[in-house]
Structures are given as C-alpha cells and as structure tokens.
Amino acid sequence: MNKFGRNASAVMLAAATSAAAAFVMTTSSRAKSGSAFFVADDTTRIKNTAATRSSALQMNFFSDLQGFLGGGGGYAAGIDYEALDHPGPELGTAAREGRVLQQSDRDPNVRVATFAGGCFWGLELAYQRVPGVLYTATGYTQGVSSDDANPSYSQVCAGNTGHTEAVMVYYDPTQCPYETLLDTFVNRVDLSTINGQGGDFGTQYRTGVYFHTPEQETSARQRFALEQADTIKYKTKPIASELKAATPFWPAEKYHQQYLSKGGRSGSPQNAEKGSTETIRCY
C-alpha cells in the first residue's frame, strides 16, 4: 500500500473510531433511558430488552462499518443472498423482484408460509423440528418505509424500515398441513402481546401470520377466531398478532440462519431433530 493509501486509511479509521464512540455512547444512553418502542408493564424486562437491543445495535454498527471499509455486509454492501444456503438465494431474488412466493421456485411442490413470533432465532428452531418442514429461513418482512429494500439487521433493529423479524417455512403439504404450522405458532406465541414476545419488545418483534394463499388465509382466520374464543387462555385480552397478506421476504444475514441449531451465543448447538421437545433457549 502506498503512502496515500495508508494516510487515507488512517483518516478513515480515525473518523470511524470517533463515529463508533459516539454511536456506543448514544445507544448506551438510549438503553438506560428506554425507548418509545418498548411496550410492557414489566420494568425489568424493558431494561433487559433495551440493553440487549443496544448491544445488538453496537455489534451491527461495527459489522456495517467493516462493510463500509471493505469487509462486506451492512448498510454499504447489503446482504449477499447468493452466499446463503437454500432457500436464501431464491427468496432474495423474489424480494428484489417484488414477488411473494406461493411455492418454491426450485421445487414447485413445496409450499411456503411466513410467521413472525418475536425474535426469529427461537421460532425458526421450533419450525425446524416440525416433521414435513423441509427448509427454514430467517428474515425481514412487512416493511412500510420507502427504504425497505434489502434491509440489514441494524436497520430493522433501529426501526428504520418498519419490518418485523420473521421465519419463512418451506413445507411438504402431503406431510405437513398448514394447520400443523399454525399449531406450532399458537403454541409458542402469546397472541395478545403487543409489539413483542417474551423479553423482546419493539415493532421489529411484533408477531403475525402472513398468508400466501386464500386457503392459508381461511385457515389462519379460523384459528385466530378459535384462539380468541378460548377464555381460559386469553380471557378478555384481544389478539394483537397481525393477520395479513404476505409481502416480499428479505432473508437475514448468514449468521442469523439456523442460529440456535448452529450453536448461537453459547456455542452449544440446540437440537433441531424432527419431533424434539427440548426447551428452546434464545439467550
């Protein structure tokens, strides 16, 4: 590298370091003071969620910064969908084309379904365990802003795009009816929680069932009505989970795919075998 290159890199690094310090201070301050996104009565959970979100934003700021400086990923370069395992590449292609799949482009006999249940790590593992589910992918859907194309984890966490974390499920309808997928969803998700699930709160953690076909819509509406009528389970609380038509699904970064079954934060892979009932640990 020549002198100009070294000097330019030094200037960029100094600027990046300064920006990073400012970002960390800002996100730490936000974590301490809370955020307008958080909707909960449990103060402890809000603090924990704020801290987690701050940590995630800081981590992904440096990931995005690396991309800006030439390391790939993040705001500058976007997500390389072709580097993902199937079904990532075809999902990325469909999203860029503004298409919502009803079945796999590669395997037309394989149907697709989309669910959002808070943090996508745990929900994906739950669906990995369902017999008849062939593939899963984590990603972002239901964006509402003009900047909703090719969203990164950082952008979604910051609330800049209106997306929610979601899981795309590829399933064989001869082995796994759509109703079975709905069973997994309602057994794992508290449908009455607004903008969150468990200890995660924010619009990016809102829950929902996003139907791809009229048949899926009919089944989902029937199941929501049945759940709402369960006075023991929901009493007088209205269902807050969204029930909407599917929109383009943008796959998440590679490290988010099958995150828990690959080891997650602890480095200890969780069981993804079909039919497993082991407790799913997200954090």
Protein backbone atom coordinates (compact mmCIF):
# COMPACT_ATOMS: atom_id res chain seq x y z
CA MET A 1 0.00 0.00 0.00
CA ASN A 2 1.42 3.45 -0.91
CA LYS A 3 1.70 6.45 1.41
CA PHE A 4 -1.54 7.95 0.14
CA GLY A 5 -3.34 4.70 0.77
CA ARG A 6 -2.01 4.46 4.32
CA ASN A 7 -2.88 8.07 5.04
CA ALA A 8 -6.38 7.64 3.63
CA SER A 9 -6.91 4.52 5.68
CA ALA A 10 -5.68 6.30 8.79
CA VAL A 11 -8.08 9.17 8.23
CA MET A 12 -10.97 6.76 7.63
CA LEU A 13 -10.05 4.74 10.70
CA ALA A 14 -9.88 7.84 12.89
CA ALA A 15 -13.24 9.01 11.62
CA ALA A 16 -14.70 5.56 12.08
CA THR A 17 -13.38 5.30 15.63
CA SER A 18 -14.84 8.68 16.52
CA ALA A 19 -18.18 7.72 15.00
CA ALA A 20 -18.12 4.38 16.79
CA ALA A 21 -17.51 6.04 20.13
CA ALA A 22 -20.37 8.45 19.56
CA PHE A 23 -22.64 5.60 18.49
CA VAL A 24 -21.82 3.50 21.55
CA MET A 25 -22.45 6.46 23.85
CA THR A 26 -25.75 7.20 22.11
CA THR A 27 -27.04 3.63 22.18
CA SER A 28 -25.92 3.17 25.78
CA SER A 29 -27.79 6.33 26.71
CA ARG A 30 -30.87 5.10 24.91
CA ALA A 31 -30.64 1.76 26.68
CA LYS A 32 -30.53 3.48 30.06
CA SER A 33 -33.40 5.83 29.31
CA GLY A 34 -35.56 3.31 27.47
CA SER A 35 -37.14 3.64 24.05
CA ALA A 36 -40.51 4.58 22.65
CA PHE A 37 -40.59 1.19 21.00
CA PHE A 38 -40.90 -0.77 24.22
CA VAL A 39 -44.43 -1.64 25.28
CA ALA A 40 -44.59 -3.59 28.54
CA ASP A 41 -45.54 -3.33 32.18
CA ASP A 42 -42.53 -5.25 33.45
CA THR A 43 -39.80 -2.65 34.07
CA THR A 44 -37.09 -5.25 34.43
CA ARG A 45 -37.91 -6.80 31.06
CA ILE A 46 -37.85 -3.39 29.41
CA LYS A 47 -34.40 -2.66 30.84
CA ASN A 48 -33.10 -6.05 29.79
CA THR A 49 -34.54 -5.65 26.31
CA ALA A 50 -33.10 -2.16 25.98
CA ALA A 51 -29.67 -3.42 26.94
CA THR A 52 -29.93 -6.34 24.51
CA ARG A 53 -31.06 -4.05 21.72
CA SER A 54 -28.24 -1.60 22.49
CA SER A 55 -25.71 -4.43 22.36
CA ALA A 56 -27.13 -5.71 19.07
CA LEU A 57 -27.06 -2.25 17.53
CA GLN A 58 -23.47 -1.68 18.64
CA MET A 59 -22.40 -5.08 17.31
CA ASN A 60 -24.04 -4.47 13.97
CA PHE A 61 -22.70 -0.91 13.73
CA PHE A 62 -19.20 -2.35 13.69
CA SER A 63 -20.30 -5.00 11.19
CA ASP A 64 -21.74 -2.30 8.96
CA LEU A 65 -18.63 -0.18 9.45
CA GLN A 66 -16.50 -3.10 8.34
CA GLY A 67 -18.60 -3.34 5.22
CA PHE A 68 -18.04 0.37 4.53
CA LEU A 69 -14.30 -0.09 4.87
CA GLY A 70 -14.30 -3.08 2.57
CA GLY A 71 -15.14 -6.03 4.79
CA GLY A 72 -18.53 -6.81 3.28
CA GLY A 73 -22.09 -6.71 4.63
CA GLY A 74 -24.05 -3.96 6.30
CA TYR A 75 -25.51 -0.73 5.01
CA ALA A 76 -22.98 -0.22 2.26
CA ALA A 77 -22.84 -3.59 0.56
CA GLY A 78 -26.14 -5.14 1.65
CA ILE A 79 -26.68 -8.84 2.21
CA ASP A 80 -25.20 -11.30 -0.27
CA TYR A 81 -28.23 -13.54 -0.81
CA GLU A 82 -26.35 -15.79 -3.22
CA ALA A 83 -23.98 -16.76 -0.41
CA LEU A 84 -26.86 -18.13 1.67
CA ASP A 85 -27.93 -21.75 1.71
CA HIS A 86 -31.21 -22.67 0.01
CA PRO A 87 -33.80 -21.14 0.14
CA GLY A 88 -31.94 -17.88 0.71
CA PRO A 89 -30.95 -17.19 -2.91
CA GLU A 90 -34.42 -17.68 -4.35
CA LEU A 91 -36.01 -15.68 -1.55
CA GLY A 92 -33.58 -12.82 -2.19
CA THR A 93 -34.30 -12.92 -5.91
CA ALA A 94 -38.05 -12.90 -5.35
CA ALA A 95 -37.81 -9.98 -2.91
CA ARG A 96 -35.72 -7.92 -5.30
CA GLU A 97 -38.33 -8.57 -7.98
CA GLY A 98 -41.15 -7.63 -5.62
CA ARG A 99 -42.62 -11.14 -5.74
CA VAL A 100 -44.38 -13.04 -2.97
CA LEU A 101 -43.92 -16.78 -3.41
CA GLN A 102 -46.70 -19.33 -3.05
CA GLN A 103 -44.36 -22.23 -3.61
CA SER A 104 -40.64 -22.71 -4.08
CA ASP A 105 -39.29 -21.59 -7.46
CA ARG A 106 -36.89 -24.53 -7.40
CA ASP A 107 -39.35 -27.13 -6.13
CA PRO A 108 -42.93 -26.24 -7.17
CA ASN A 109 -44.43 -28.98 -4.97
CA VAL A 110 -43.01 -27.34 -1.88
CA ARG A 111 -45.26 -24.70 -0.29
CA VAL A 112 -44.18 -21.67 1.73
CA ALA A 113 -45.52 -19.95 4.84
CA THR A 114 -44.44 -16.90 6.84
CA PHE A 115 -44.67 -16.36 10.60
CA ALA A 116 -43.36 -13.71 13.00
CA GLY A 117 -43.05 -14.60 16.67
CA GLY A 118 -40.69 -12.15 18.31
CA CYS A 119 -37.00 -12.97 17.99
CA PHE A 120 -36.68 -15.15 14.89
CA TRP A 121 -33.99 -17.43 16.33
CA GLY A 122 -36.30 -19.41 18.60
CA LEU A 123 -39.23 -19.52 16.19
CA GLU A 124 -37.03 -20.86 13.42
CA LEU A 125 -35.77 -23.71 15.61
CA ALA A 126 -39.36 -24.57 16.55
CA TYR A 127 -40.22 -24.95 12.86
CA GLN A 128 -37.02 -26.84 12.07
CA ARG A 129 -38.33 -29.54 14.42
CA VAL A 130 -41.71 -29.96 12.68
CA PRO A 131 -41.96 -33.13 10.55
CA GLY A 132 -42.63 -32.20 6.94
CA VAL A 133 -40.80 -28.88 7.17
CA LEU A 134 -38.00 -29.07 4.62
CA TYR A 135 -36.25 -25.72 4.93
CA THR A 136 -36.45 -22.58 7.04
CA ALA A 137 -35.02 -19.09 6.67
CA THR A 138 -34.94 -16.08 8.96
CA GLY A 139 -35.56 -12.66 7.51
CA TYR A 140 -37.46 -9.41 7.47
CA THR A 141 -40.94 -8.72 6.13
CA GLN A 142 -43.87 -6.28 6.25
CA GLY A 143 -41.67 -3.21 5.77
CA VAL A 144 -43.52 0.06 5.37
CA SER A 145 -40.93 2.73 4.61
CA SER A 146 -39.53 3.86 1.28
CA ASP A 147 -36.19 2.48 2.45
CA ASP A 148 -37.45 -1.09 2.88
CA ALA A 149 -35.40 -2.79 0.15
CA ASN A 150 -32.56 -5.11 1.16
CA PRO A 151 -32.80 -4.31 4.89
CA SER A 152 -30.00 -5.23 7.28
CA TYR A 153 -30.37 -6.36 10.88
CA SER A 154 -29.08 -2.98 12.03
CA GLN A 155 -31.69 -1.07 10.06
CA VAL A 156 -34.54 -3.29 11.23
CA CYS A 157 -33.43 -3.10 14.89
CA ALA A 158 -33.26 0.68 14.63
CA GLY A 159 -36.85 0.75 13.36
CA ASN A 160 -35.87 2.49 10.14
CA THR A 161 -37.78 0.21 7.78
CA GLY A 162 -40.89 -0.99 9.58
CA HIS A 163 -40.01 -4.66 9.11
CA THR A 164 -40.60 -7.41 11.64
CA GLU A 165 -38.30 -10.37 12.23
CA ALA A 166 -39.92 -13.41 10.63
CA VAL A 167 -39.39 -17.01 9.56
CA MET A 168 -40.09 -18.40 6.12
CA VAL A 169 -41.09 -22.07 6.25
CA TYR A 170 -40.79 -24.41 3.25
CA TYR A 171 -43.01 -27.43 3.82
CA ASP A 172 -44.35 -30.52 2.08
CA PRO A 173 -48.17 -30.24 2.30
CA THR A 174 -48.51 -34.02 1.91
CA GLN A 175 -46.57 -34.50 5.16
CA CYS A 176 -47.32 -31.28 7.00
CA PRO A 177 -50.68 -29.49 6.60
CA TYR A 178 -50.66 -25.71 7.03
CA GLU A 179 -52.78 -26.21 10.13
CA THR A 180 -49.85 -28.00 11.77
CA LEU A 181 -47.71 -24.93 11.21
CA LEU A 182 -50.43 -22.84 12.84
CA ASP A 183 -50.34 -25.22 15.82
CA THR A 184 -46.63 -24.54 16.26
CA PHE A 185 -47.23 -20.80 16.06
CA VAL A 186 -50.07 -20.56 18.60
CA ASN A 187 -48.37 -22.98 21.00
CA ARG A 188 -45.22 -20.84 21.07
CA VAL A 189 -46.56 -17.29 20.72
CA ASP A 190 -48.70 -15.24 23.11
CA LEU A 191 -51.06 -13.72 20.55
CA SER A 192 -52.18 -10.98 22.93
CA THR A 193 -48.78 -9.33 23.40
CA ILE A 194 -48.36 -6.02 21.57
CA ASN A 195 -45.10 -5.35 19.73
CA GLY A 196 -43.06 -8.08 21.30
CA GLN A 197 -42.69 -11.54 22.75
CA GLY A 198 -41.02 -12.82 25.88
CA GLY A 199 -38.31 -10.33 26.82
CA ASP A 200 -38.06 -8.73 23.39
CA PHE A 201 -40.09 -5.61 22.70
CA GLY A 202 -40.21 -3.23 19.75
CA THR A 203 -42.05 -3.02 16.45
CA GLN A 204 -39.43 -5.32 14.90
CA TYR A 205 -40.61 -8.04 17.31
CA ARG A 206 -44.33 -7.77 16.58
CA THR A 207 -45.93 -11.11 15.86
CA GLY A 208 -48.06 -12.22 12.95
CA VAL A 209 -49.24 -14.79 10.47
CA TYR A 210 -48.75 -13.68 6.87
CA PHE A 211 -50.71 -15.78 4.41
CA HIS A 212 -49.56 -16.61 0.89
CA THR A 213 -52.77 -18.11 -0.49
CA PRO A 214 -56.54 -17.77 0.06
CA GLU A 215 -56.51 -21.23 1.63
CA GLN A 216 -53.89 -20.16 4.17
CA GLU A 217 -55.91 -17.03 4.94
CA THR A 218 -59.05 -19.06 5.62
CA SER A 219 -57.22 -21.47 7.92
CA ALA A 220 -55.45 -18.68 9.78
CA ARG A 221 -58.64 -16.64 10.33
CA GLN A 222 -60.44 -19.71 11.64
CA ARG A 223 -57.59 -20.46 14.01
CA PHE A 224 -57.40 -16.88 15.29
CA ALA A 225 -61.14 -16.91 15.97
CA LEU A 226 -60.78 -20.19 17.84
CA GLU A 227 -57.92 -18.81 19.93
CA GLN A 228 -59.82 -15.62 20.73
CA ALA A 229 -62.78 -17.70 21.92
CA ASP A 230 -60.52 -19.53 24.40
CA THR A 231 -61.45 -17.57 27.51
CA ILE A 232 -59.12 -19.62 29.71
CA LYS A 233 -56.10 -18.85 27.57
CA TYR A 234 -56.80 -15.24 26.64
CA LYS A 235 -59.68 -14.27 28.95
CA THR A 236 -60.70 -10.79 27.81
CA LYS A 237 -57.42 -9.85 26.12
CA PRO A 238 -57.80 -9.18 22.37
CA ILE A 239 -55.45 -10.83 19.90
CA ALA A 240 -52.68 -8.43 18.90
CA SER A 241 -50.85 -10.66 16.41
CA GLU A 242 -51.12 -9.44 12.85
CA LEU A 243 -53.01 -11.46 10.25
CA LYS A 244 -52.10 -10.06 6.86
CA ALA A 245 -51.22 -10.98 3.32
CA ALA A 246 -47.56 -11.85 2.89
CA THR A 247 -45.22 -9.24 1.45
CA PRO A 248 -41.70 -9.69 0.00
CA PHE A 249 -39.47 -11.57 2.41
CA TRP A 250 -35.89 -10.37 2.69
CA PRO A 251 -33.52 -13.06 4.04
CA ALA A 252 -31.43 -12.12 7.05
CA GLU A 253 -27.66 -12.22 7.24
CA LYS A 254 -26.00 -15.63 7.06
CA TYR A 255 -25.08 -15.70 10.74
CA HIS A 256 -28.78 -15.44 11.65
CA GLN A 257 -29.74 -18.52 9.62
CA GLN A 258 -30.38 -21.62 11.79
CA TYR A 259 -28.65 -19.64 14.52
CA LEU A 260 -29.57 -21.77 17.54
CA SER A 261 -29.08 -25.16 15.89
CA LYS A 262 -25.57 -24.00 14.91
CA GLY A 263 -24.65 -23.01 18.46
CA GLY A 264 -25.97 -19.49 18.99
CA ARG A 265 -24.21 -17.26 21.51
CA SER A 266 -23.23 -20.10 23.79
CA GLY A 267 -21.56 -22.16 21.07
CA SER A 268 -23.70 -25.12 22.13
CA PRO A 269 -25.93 -26.32 19.25
CA GLN A 270 -29.57 -26.94 20.17
CA ASN A 271 -31.49 -29.96 18.98
CA ALA A 272 -33.19 -29.48 15.60
CA GLU A 273 -34.25 -33.10 15.15
CA LYS A 274 -37.81 -33.66 14.00
CA GLY A 275 -40.21 -34.07 16.89
CA SER A 276 -37.79 -32.77 19.50
CA THR A 277 -39.47 -31.22 22.56
CA GLU A 278 -36.34 -29.94 24.26
CA THR A 279 -36.66 -26.43 25.69
CA ILE A 280 -35.58 -23.74 23.22
CA ARG A 281 -33.14 -21.25 24.73
CA CYS A 282 -32.83 -17.97 22.85
CA TYR A 283 -30.40 -16.14 25.16
